[in-house]
Amino acid sequence: MAAEFTDKVVVVSGGSRGIGRGIAAAFAADGARVVLAASTRANLDAAAEAIAAAGASRPDTCAADLRTADGCADVQRFVAERHGRCDILVNSAGATRAGAFTALDEEAWQDGFALKFFGCVRLCRLFWPMLVETQGHVVNIVGGAARTPEPEFLIGGAVNAAMSNFTKGLSMLGKREGVNVNAILPGMTETERVEQLFRQRAEAAGTSVDDIRRTLVAKDGLARLGRPEDVAALALFLCSERARHIRGTAIAVDGGATPGLY
């Protein structure tokens, strides 16, 4: 019996590390033709080799600066020339700085929006005609800070809130044109990025990384931090035919850390 995503073309921005890599690996293991897009060639090659070593087909890789319009266009052109179609787009690229508000300069704010928000918008726009043709899926990886703003993570909160709003609005267009659009809101997940955030928060608070880790885990009452495969499992479900009636949702994968109903 064929795997559910056999020969589906899946484009994963930010697919060289962290959550994006975990999602890419899960799709590849289920038979998809995966394209990894990120800025660093060495990280892309390492991710592709690791996925292939686990027994899946080696993903294609496209090194591009997703902070720029030209870089996003390069990814779309690469996929069009290599595969001629796109069934699934996962926007997982992006990292924003944590730290004290007055210590975050103009460059930090501009960079935060350039990659995660504008990179997502551009890729969605560029791939939209292909996604309409295949009646495909978009999954945007939106940080939990979209719902839980904090003074030490203002850039991340603002960027993720913008992505969440964009995802909901785009899902309404998708409803008319046959493209499923949803968002996943991961909580703290065991990635290099989260370790970097812990270091930034520790520096801002004048304490140790271990203290920050213990404090955040205890504050949310978590049994553990999340893992990329937790997010990947939901991404695959949202892109399956079983989830066709799920549109415009934003689902938290955070171990119950987010307070409130939404």
C-alpha atoms as a PDB file:
ATOM      1  CA  MET A   1       0.000   0.000   0.000  1.00  0.00           C
ATOM      2  CA  ALA A   2       1.440   3.363  -1.030  1.00  0.00           C
ATOM      3  CA  ALA A   3       2.223   5.932   1.618  1.00  0.00           C
ATOM      4  CA  GLU A   4      -0.230   8.814   1.798  1.00  0.00           C
ATOM      5  CA  PHE A   5       2.162  11.431   0.458  1.00  0.00           C
ATOM      6  CA  THR A   6       3.897   9.370  -2.217  1.00  0.00           C
ATOM      7  CA  ASP A   7       5.156  11.681  -4.990  1.00  0.00           C
ATOM      8  CA  LYS A   8       3.578  14.767  -3.439  1.00  0.00           C
ATOM      9  CA  VAL A   9       5.890  17.766  -3.830  1.00  0.00           C
ATOM     10  CA  VAL A  10       6.431  19.352  -0.424  1.00  0.00           C
ATOM     11  CA  VAL A  11       8.373  22.599  -0.053  1.00  0.00           C
ATOM     12  CA  VAL A  12       9.665  23.334   3.457  1.00  0.00           C
ATOM     13  CA  SER A  13      11.225  26.706   4.141  1.00  0.00           C
ATOM     14  CA  GLY A  14      13.606  26.596   7.066  1.00  0.00           C
ATOM     15  CA  GLY A  15      13.898  22.877   6.386  1.00  0.00           C
ATOM     16  CA  SER A  16      17.575  22.568   7.238  1.00  0.00           C
ATOM     17  CA  ARG A  17      17.210  22.690  11.025  1.00  0.00           C
ATOM     18  CA  GLY A  18      14.870  22.377  13.950  1.00  0.00           C
ATOM     19  CA  ILE A  19      11.130  22.039  13.458  1.00  0.00           C
ATOM     20  CA  GLY A  20      11.371  22.497   9.691  1.00  0.00           C
ATOM     21  CA  ARG A  21      13.841  19.656   9.389  1.00  0.00           C
ATOM     22  CA  GLY A  22      11.620  17.436  11.525  1.00  0.00           C
ATOM     23  CA  ILE A  23       8.623  18.163   9.304  1.00  0.00           C
ATOM     24  CA  ALA A  24      10.655  17.569   6.145  1.00  0.00           C
ATOM     25  CA  ALA A  25      11.912  14.235   7.481  1.00  0.00           C
ATOM     26  CA  ALA A  26       8.375  13.081   8.291  1.00  0.00           C
ATOM     27  CA  PHE A  27       7.065  13.917   4.822  1.00  0.00           C
ATOM     28  CA  ALA A  28      10.062  12.257   3.162  1.00  0.00           C
ATOM     29  CA  ALA A  29       9.535   9.119   5.250  1.00  0.00           C
ATOM     30  CA  ASP A  30       5.964   9.030   3.944  1.00  0.00           C
ATOM     31  CA  GLY A  31       7.041   9.065   0.316  1.00  0.00           C
ATOM     32  CA  ALA A  32       6.929  12.772  -0.530  1.00  0.00           C
ATOM     33  CA  ARG A  33       9.337  14.527  -2.850  1.00  0.00           C
ATOM     34  CA  VAL A  34      10.666  17.130  -0.448  1.00  0.00           C
ATOM     35  CA  VAL A  35      12.408  20.392  -1.257  1.00  0.00           C
ATOM     36  CA  LEU A  36      14.352  22.043   1.559  1.00  0.00           C
ATOM     37  CA  ALA A  37      14.851  25.804   1.328  1.00  0.00           C
ATOM     38  CA  ALA A  38      17.147  27.730   3.639  1.00  0.00           C
ATOM     39  CA  SER A  39      20.067  30.131   3.490  1.00  0.00           C
ATOM     40  CA  THR A  40      23.042  27.957   4.447  1.00  0.00           C
ATOM     41  CA  ARG A  41      24.250  25.332   1.992  1.00  0.00           C
ATOM     42  CA  ALA A  42      26.131  23.297   4.608  1.00  0.00           C
ATOM     43  CA  ASN A  43      23.053  22.990   6.836  1.00  0.00           C
ATOM     44  CA  LEU A  44      20.894  22.017   3.870  1.00  0.00           C
ATOM     45  CA  ASP A  45      23.304  19.301   2.786  1.00  0.00           C
ATOM     46  CA  ALA A  46      23.565  17.952   6.331  1.00  0.00           C
ATOM     47  CA  ALA A  47      19.776  17.793   6.668  1.00  0.00           C
ATOM     48  CA  ALA A  48      19.317  16.111   3.289  1.00  0.00           C
ATOM     49  CA  GLU A  49      21.976  13.505   4.068  1.00  0.00           C
ATOM     50  CA  ALA A  50      20.456  12.759   7.486  1.00  0.00           C
ATOM     51  CA  ILE A  51      16.994  12.301   5.987  1.00  0.00           C
ATOM     52  CA  ALA A  52      18.382   9.996   3.297  1.00  0.00           C
ATOM     53  CA  ALA A  53      20.375   8.045   5.892  1.00  0.00           C
ATOM     54  CA  ALA A  54      17.113   7.330   7.722  1.00  0.00           C
ATOM     55  CA  GLY A  55      15.843   5.508   4.637  1.00  0.00           C
ATOM     56  CA  ALA A  56      13.848   8.180   2.797  1.00  0.00           C
ATOM     57  CA  SER A  57      14.572   9.664  -0.605  1.00  0.00           C
ATOM     58  CA  ARG A  58      17.137  12.440  -0.416  1.00  0.00           C
ATOM     59  CA  PRO A  59      15.374  15.815  -0.522  1.00  0.00           C
ATOM     60  CA  ASP A  60      16.243  18.427  -3.092  1.00  0.00           C
ATOM     61  CA  THR A  61      17.843  21.515  -1.593  1.00  0.00           C
ATOM     62  CA  CYS A  62      17.692  25.175  -2.571  1.00  0.00           C
ATOM     63  CA  ALA A  63      20.004  27.659  -0.878  1.00  0.00           C
ATOM     64  CA  ALA A  64      18.406  31.107  -0.932  1.00  0.00           C
ATOM     65  CA  ASP A  65      18.115  34.198   1.248  1.00  0.00           C
ATOM     66  CA  LEU A  66      14.454  34.054   2.204  1.00  0.00           C
ATOM     67  CA  ARG A  67      14.693  37.517   3.727  1.00  0.00           C
ATOM     68  CA  THR A  68      14.587  38.916   0.200  1.00  0.00           C
ATOM     69  CA  ALA A  69      12.077  38.897  -2.634  1.00  0.00           C
ATOM     70  CA  ASP A  70      14.748  37.589  -5.012  1.00  0.00           C
ATOM     71  CA  GLY A  71      15.605  34.715  -2.689  1.00  0.00           C
ATOM     72  CA  CYS A  72      11.974  33.621  -2.414  1.00  0.00           C
ATOM     73  CA  ALA A  73      11.608  33.858  -6.188  1.00  0.00           C
ATOM     74  CA  ASP A  74      14.672  31.633  -6.561  1.00  0.00           C
ATOM     75  CA  VAL A  75      12.955  28.924  -4.505  1.00  0.00           C
ATOM     76  CA  GLN A  76       9.782  29.058  -6.583  1.00  0.00           C
ATOM     77  CA  ARG A  77      11.796  28.953  -9.801  1.00  0.00           C
ATOM     78  CA  PHE A  78      13.810  25.982  -8.549  1.00  0.00           C
ATOM     79  CA  VAL A  79      10.665  24.010  -7.699  1.00  0.00           C
ATOM     80  CA  ALA A  80       8.969  24.914 -10.980  1.00  0.00           C
ATOM     81  CA  GLU A  81      11.961  23.786 -13.026  1.00  0.00           C
ATOM     82  CA  ARG A  82      12.626  20.659 -10.979  1.00  0.00           C
ATOM     83  CA  HIS A  83       9.086  19.420 -10.325  1.00  0.00           C
ATOM     84  CA  GLY A  84       6.609  21.630 -12.166  1.00  0.00           C
ATOM     85  CA  ARG A  85       4.197  21.566  -9.254  1.00  0.00           C
ATOM     86  CA  CYS A  86       3.764  22.117  -5.526  1.00  0.00           C
ATOM     87  CA  ASP A  87       1.272  20.177  -3.425  1.00  0.00           C
ATOM     88  CA  ILE A  88       2.242  21.383   0.038  1.00  0.00           C
ATOM     89  CA  LEU A  89       4.025  24.503   1.296  1.00  0.00           C
ATOM     90  CA  VAL A  90       5.305  24.577   4.873  1.00  0.00           C
ATOM     91  CA  ASN A  91       6.616  27.935   6.048  1.00  0.00           C
ATOM     92  CA  SER A  92       8.968  27.199   8.926  1.00  0.00           C
ATOM     93  CA  ALA A  93      11.783  29.685   8.294  1.00  0.00           C
ATOM     94  CA  GLY A  94      12.398  32.468  10.727  1.00  0.00           C
ATOM     95  CA  ALA A  95      13.994  33.406  13.982  1.00  0.00           C
ATOM     96  CA  THR A  96      13.481  36.522  16.063  1.00  0.00           C
ATOM     97  CA  ARG A  97      15.629  37.898  18.844  1.00  0.00           C
ATOM     98  CA  ALA A  98      14.628  37.878  22.479  1.00  0.00           C
ATOM     99  CA  GLY A  99      15.872  40.484  24.928  1.00  0.00           C
ATOM    100  CA  ALA A 100      15.104  43.705  26.738  1.00  0.00           C
ATOM    101  CA  PHE A 101      12.913  46.058  24.704  1.00  0.00           C
ATOM    102  CA  THR A 102      15.325  48.991  24.756  1.00  0.00           C
ATOM    103  CA  ALA A 103      18.241  46.745  23.750  1.00  0.00           C
ATOM    104  CA  LEU A 104      16.563  45.561  20.536  1.00  0.00           C
ATOM    105  CA  ASP A 105      17.532  47.954  17.770  1.00  0.00           C
ATOM    106  CA  GLU A 106      15.957  48.771  14.408  1.00  0.00           C
ATOM    107  CA  GLU A 107      17.962  46.062  12.652  1.00  0.00           C
ATOM    108  CA  ALA A 108      16.645  43.365  14.997  1.00  0.00           C
ATOM    109  CA  TRP A 109      13.045  44.381  14.310  1.00  0.00           C
ATOM    110  CA  GLN A 110      13.544  44.636  10.555  1.00  0.00           C
ATOM    111  CA  ASP A 111      15.306  41.271  10.418  1.00  0.00           C
ATOM    112  CA  GLY A 112      12.604  39.580  12.475  1.00  0.00           C
ATOM    113  CA  PHE A 113       9.862  40.603  10.082  1.00  0.00           C
ATOM    114  CA  ALA A 114      11.961  40.159   6.912  1.00  0.00           C
ATOM    115  CA  LEU A 115      12.480  36.418   7.244  1.00  0.00           C
ATOM    116  CA  LYS A 116       9.594  34.975   9.183  1.00  0.00           C
ATOM    117  CA  PHE A 117       6.718  37.225   8.127  1.00  0.00           C
ATOM    118  CA  PHE A 118       7.621  38.597   4.713  1.00  0.00           C
ATOM    119  CA  GLY A 119       9.333  35.351   3.695  1.00  0.00           C
ATOM    120  CA  CYS A 120       6.097  33.513   4.458  1.00  0.00           C
ATOM    121  CA  VAL A 121       3.950  36.055   2.602  1.00  0.00           C
ATOM    122  CA  ARG A 122       6.186  35.991  -0.477  1.00  0.00           C
ATOM    123  CA  LEU A 123       6.400  32.220  -0.683  1.00  0.00           C
ATOM    124  CA  CYS A 124       2.637  31.879  -0.304  1.00  0.00           C
ATOM    125  CA  ARG A 125       2.081  34.416  -3.070  1.00  0.00           C
ATOM    126  CA  LEU A 126       4.641  32.854  -5.410  1.00  0.00           C
ATOM    127  CA  PHE A 127       3.431  29.274  -4.926  1.00  0.00           C
ATOM    128  CA  TRP A 128      -0.289  30.094  -4.813  1.00  0.00           C
ATOM    129  CA  PRO A 129      -1.033  29.374  -8.510  1.00  0.00           C
ATOM    130  CA  MET A 130       0.613  25.935  -8.166  1.00  0.00           C
ATOM    131  CA  LEU A 131      -1.281  25.235  -4.954  1.00  0.00           C
ATOM    132  CA  VAL A 132      -4.586  26.175  -6.571  1.00  0.00           C
ATOM    133  CA  GLU A 133      -3.797  23.857  -9.467  1.00  0.00           C
ATOM    134  CA  THR A 134      -3.038  20.917  -7.153  1.00  0.00           C
ATOM    135  CA  GLN A 135      -5.745  21.838  -4.591  1.00  0.00           C
ATOM    136  CA  GLY A 136      -2.924  21.768  -2.094  1.00  0.00           C
ATOM    137  CA  HIS A 137      -2.102  22.792   1.436  1.00  0.00           C
ATOM    138  CA  VAL A 138      -0.256  25.536   3.303  1.00  0.00           C
ATOM    139  CA  VAL A 139       0.951  25.080   6.870  1.00  0.00           C
ATOM    140  CA  ASN A 140       2.515  28.086   8.566  1.00  0.00           C
ATOM    141  CA  ILE A 141       4.616  27.479  11.667  1.00  0.00           C
ATOM    142  CA  VAL A 142       3.632  30.337  13.941  1.00  0.00           C
ATOM    143  CA  GLY A 143       5.181  30.681  17.385  1.00  0.00           C
ATOM    144  CA  GLY A 144       3.020  30.487  20.474  1.00  0.00           C
ATOM    145  CA  ALA A 145       4.034  34.075  21.274  1.00  0.00           C
ATOM    146  CA  ALA A 146       1.268  35.100  18.851  1.00  0.00           C
ATOM    147  CA  ARG A 147      -1.123  34.389  21.742  1.00  0.00           C
ATOM    148  CA  THR A 148       1.080  34.985  24.771  1.00  0.00           C
ATOM    149  CA  PRO A 149       3.082  38.229  24.402  1.00  0.00           C
ATOM    150  CA  GLU A 150       5.952  38.819  26.788  1.00  0.00           C
ATOM    151  CA  PRO A 151       8.067  41.951  27.354  1.00  0.00           C
ATOM    152  CA  GLU A 152      11.295  40.006  26.741  1.00  0.00           C
ATOM    153  CA  PHE A 153      10.023  38.617  23.405  1.00  0.00           C
ATOM    154  CA  LEU A 154       8.301  41.565  21.775  1.00  0.00           C
ATOM    155  CA  ILE A 155       9.649  41.023  18.275  1.00  0.00           C
ATOM    156  CA  GLY A 156       8.617  37.381  18.262  1.00  0.00           C
ATOM    157  CA  GLY A 157       5.179  38.209  19.626  1.00  0.00           C
ATOM    158  CA  ALA A 158       4.547  40.869  17.003  1.00  0.00           C
ATOM    159  CA  VAL A 159       5.852  38.797  14.077  1.00  0.00           C
ATOM    160  CA  ASN A 160       3.917  35.698  15.084  1.00  0.00           C
ATOM    161  CA  ALA A 161       0.708  37.669  15.652  1.00  0.00           C
ATOM    162  CA  ALA A 162       1.060  39.089  12.143  1.00  0.00           C
ATOM    163  CA  MET A 163       1.593  35.591  10.730  1.00  0.00           C
ATOM    164  CA  SER A 164      -1.445  34.287  12.578  1.00  0.00           C
ATOM    165  CA  ASN A 165      -3.643  37.037  11.158  1.00  0.00           C
ATOM    166  CA  PHE A 166      -2.217  36.512   7.661  1.00  0.00           C
ATOM    167  CA  THR A 167      -2.875  32.766   7.872  1.00  0.00           C
ATOM    168  CA  LYS A 168      -6.518  33.265   8.815  1.00  0.00           C
ATOM    169  CA  GLY A 169      -7.098  35.775   6.052  1.00  0.00           C
ATOM    170  CA  LEU A 170      -5.349  33.614   3.449  1.00  0.00           C
ATOM    171  CA  SER A 171      -7.452  30.621   4.511  1.00  0.00           C
ATOM    172  CA  MET A 172     -10.560  32.509   3.403  1.00  0.00           C
ATOM    173  CA  LEU A 173      -9.090  32.868  -0.086  1.00  0.00           C
ATOM    174  CA  GLY A 174      -8.090  29.218   0.084  1.00  0.00           C
ATOM    175  CA  LYS A 175     -11.650  28.245   0.923  1.00  0.00           C
ATOM    176  CA  ARG A 176     -12.780  29.838  -2.342  1.00  0.00           C
ATOM    177  CA  GLU A 177      -9.940  28.432  -4.441  1.00  0.00           C
ATOM    178  CA  GLY A 178      -9.481  24.963  -2.962  1.00  0.00           C
ATOM    179  CA  VAL A 179      -6.301  25.404  -0.910  1.00  0.00           C
ATOM    180  CA  ASN A 180      -6.285  24.371   2.749  1.00  0.00           C
ATOM    181  CA  VAL A 181      -4.414  26.908   4.897  1.00  0.00           C
ATOM    182  CA  ASN A 182      -3.712  26.339   8.582  1.00  0.00           C
ATOM    183  CA  ALA A 183      -1.189  27.253  11.247  1.00  0.00           C
ATOM    184  CA  ILE A 184       0.633  25.331  13.945  1.00  0.00           C
ATOM    185  CA  LEU A 185       1.755  27.126  17.091  1.00  0.00           C
ATOM    186  CA  PRO A 186       4.616  25.193  18.689  1.00  0.00           C
ATOM    187  CA  GLY A 187       5.557  25.862  22.253  1.00  0.00           C
ATOM    188  CA  MET A 188       9.117  25.531  23.510  1.00  0.00           C
ATOM    189  CA  THR A 189      10.659  22.807  21.368  1.00  0.00           C
ATOM    190  CA  GLU A 190      14.053  21.126  21.633  1.00  0.00           C
ATOM    191  CA  THR A 191      15.897  22.891  18.825  1.00  0.00           C
ATOM    192  CA  GLU A 192      19.043  24.958  18.407  1.00  0.00           C
ATOM    193  CA  ARG A 193      16.801  27.992  18.133  1.00  0.00           C
ATOM    194  CA  VAL A 194      15.251  27.476  21.565  1.00  0.00           C
ATOM    195  CA  GLU A 195      18.697  27.053  23.098  1.00  0.00           C
ATOM    196  CA  GLN A 196      19.649  30.387  21.516  1.00  0.00           C
ATOM    197  CA  LEU A 197      16.531  32.023  22.962  1.00  0.00           C
ATOM    198  CA  PHE A 198      17.383  30.641  26.384  1.00  0.00           C
ATOM    199  CA  ARG A 199      20.832  32.238  26.107  1.00  0.00           C
ATOM    200  CA  GLN A 200      19.359  35.577  25.050  1.00  0.00           C
ATOM    201  CA  ARG A 201      16.838  35.561  27.876  1.00  0.00           C
ATOM    202  CA  ALA A 202      19.517  34.591  30.381  1.00  0.00           C
ATOM    203  CA  GLU A 203      21.692  37.475  29.230  1.00  0.00           C
ATOM    204  CA  ALA A 204      18.792  39.928  29.505  1.00  0.00           C
ATOM    205  CA  ALA A 205      17.887  38.652  32.994  1.00  0.00           C
ATOM    206  CA  GLY A 206      21.454  38.359  34.255  1.00  0.00           C
ATOM    207  CA  THR A 207      21.113  34.678  35.096  1.00  0.00           C
ATOM    208  CA  SER A 208      22.133  31.272  33.721  1.00  0.00           C
ATOM    209  CA  VAL A 209      20.672  29.306  30.807  1.00  0.00           C
ATOM    210  CA  ASP A 210      19.845  26.422  33.149  1.00  0.00           C
ATOM    211  CA  ASP A 211      17.917  28.775  35.423  1.00  0.00           C
ATOM    212  CA  ILE A 212      15.930  30.098  32.467  1.00  0.00           C
ATOM    213  CA  ARG A 213      15.135  26.571  31.266  1.00  0.00           C
ATOM    214  CA  ARG A 214      13.998  25.411  34.704  1.00  0.00           C
ATOM    215  CA  THR A 215      11.937  28.557  35.266  1.00  0.00           C
ATOM    216  CA  LEU A 216      10.101  28.376  31.951  1.00  0.00           C
ATOM    217  CA  VAL A 217       9.360  24.654  32.178  1.00  0.00           C
ATOM    218  CA  ALA A 218       8.156  24.998  35.776  1.00  0.00           C
ATOM    219  CA  LYS A 219       6.087  28.115  35.008  1.00  0.00           C
ATOM    220  CA  ASP A 220       4.086  26.279  32.385  1.00  0.00           C
ATOM    221  CA  GLY A 221       3.861  23.044  34.365  1.00  0.00           C
ATOM    222  CA  LEU A 222       5.350  21.020  31.524  1.00  0.00           C
ATOM    223  CA  ALA A 223       6.495  17.419  31.745  1.00  0.00           C
ATOM    224  CA  ARG A 224       9.075  18.123  29.007  1.00  0.00           C
ATOM    225  CA  LEU A 225       9.890  20.445  26.165  1.00  0.00           C
ATOM    226  CA  GLY A 226       8.349  19.678  22.806  1.00  0.00           C
ATOM    227  CA  ARG A 227      10.142  17.791  20.051  1.00  0.00           C
ATOM    228  CA  PRO A 228      10.144  18.509  16.295  1.00  0.00           C
ATOM    229  CA  GLU A 229       8.342  15.228  15.661  1.00  0.00           C
ATOM    230  CA  ASP A 230       5.409  16.451  17.789  1.00  0.00           C
ATOM    231  CA  VAL A 231       4.879  19.306  15.344  1.00  0.00           C
ATOM    232  CA  ALA A 232       5.576  17.118  12.315  1.00  0.00           C
ATOM    233  CA  ALA A 233       2.803  14.677  13.250  1.00  0.00           C
ATOM    234  CA  LEU A 234       0.239  17.478  13.189  1.00  0.00           C
ATOM    235  CA  ALA A 235       1.620  18.961   9.967  1.00  0.00           C
ATOM    236  CA  LEU A 236       1.163  15.642   8.168  1.00  0.00           C
ATOM    237  CA  PHE A 237      -2.380  15.304   9.453  1.00  0.00           C
ATOM    238  CA  LEU A 238      -3.328  18.839   8.383  1.00  0.00           C
ATOM    239  CA  CYS A 239      -2.024  18.097   4.879  1.00  0.00           C
ATOM    240  CA  SER A 240      -3.935  14.818   4.588  1.00  0.00           C
ATOM    241  CA  GLU A 241      -7.315  14.320   2.959  1.00  0.00           C
ATOM    242  CA  ARG A 242      -8.722  13.534   6.405  1.00  0.00           C
ATOM    243  CA  ALA A 243      -8.221  17.196   7.326  1.00  0.00           C
ATOM    244  CA  ARG A 244      -9.915  18.763   4.270  1.00  0.00           C
ATOM    245  CA  HIS A 245     -12.672  20.200   6.476  1.00  0.00           C
ATOM    246  CA  ILE A 246     -10.131  21.917   8.737  1.00  0.00           C
ATOM    247  CA  ARG A 247      -9.398  25.401   7.389  1.00  0.00           C
ATOM    248  CA  GLY A 248      -8.033  28.559   8.974  1.00  0.00           C
ATOM    249  CA  THR A 249      -7.198  26.918  12.284  1.00  0.00           C
ATOM    250  CA  ALA A 250      -4.229  27.651  14.522  1.00  0.00           C
ATOM    251  CA  ILE A 251      -3.436  24.654  16.705  1.00  0.00           C
ATOM    252  CA  ALA A 252      -1.014  24.824  19.614  1.00  0.00           C
ATOM    253  CA  VAL A 253       1.487  21.997  20.124  1.00  0.00           C
ATOM    254  CA  ASP A 254       2.843  23.136  23.460  1.00  0.00           C
ATOM    255  CA  GLY A 255       2.068  20.529  26.109  1.00  0.00           C
ATOM    256  CA  GLY A 256      -0.800  22.677  27.404  1.00  0.00           C
ATOM    257  CA  ALA A 257       1.402  25.688  28.157  1.00  0.00           C
ATOM    258  CA  THR A 258      -0.823  28.313  26.529  1.00  0.00           C
ATOM    259  CA  PRO A 259      -3.312  29.748  29.039  1.00  0.00           C
ATOM    260  CA  GLY A 260      -6.855  30.574  28.050  1.00  0.00           C
ATOM    261  CA  LEU A 261      -9.204  29.063  25.527  1.00  0.00           C
ATOM    262  CA  TYR A 262      -7.495  30.217  22.308  1.00  0.00           C
END
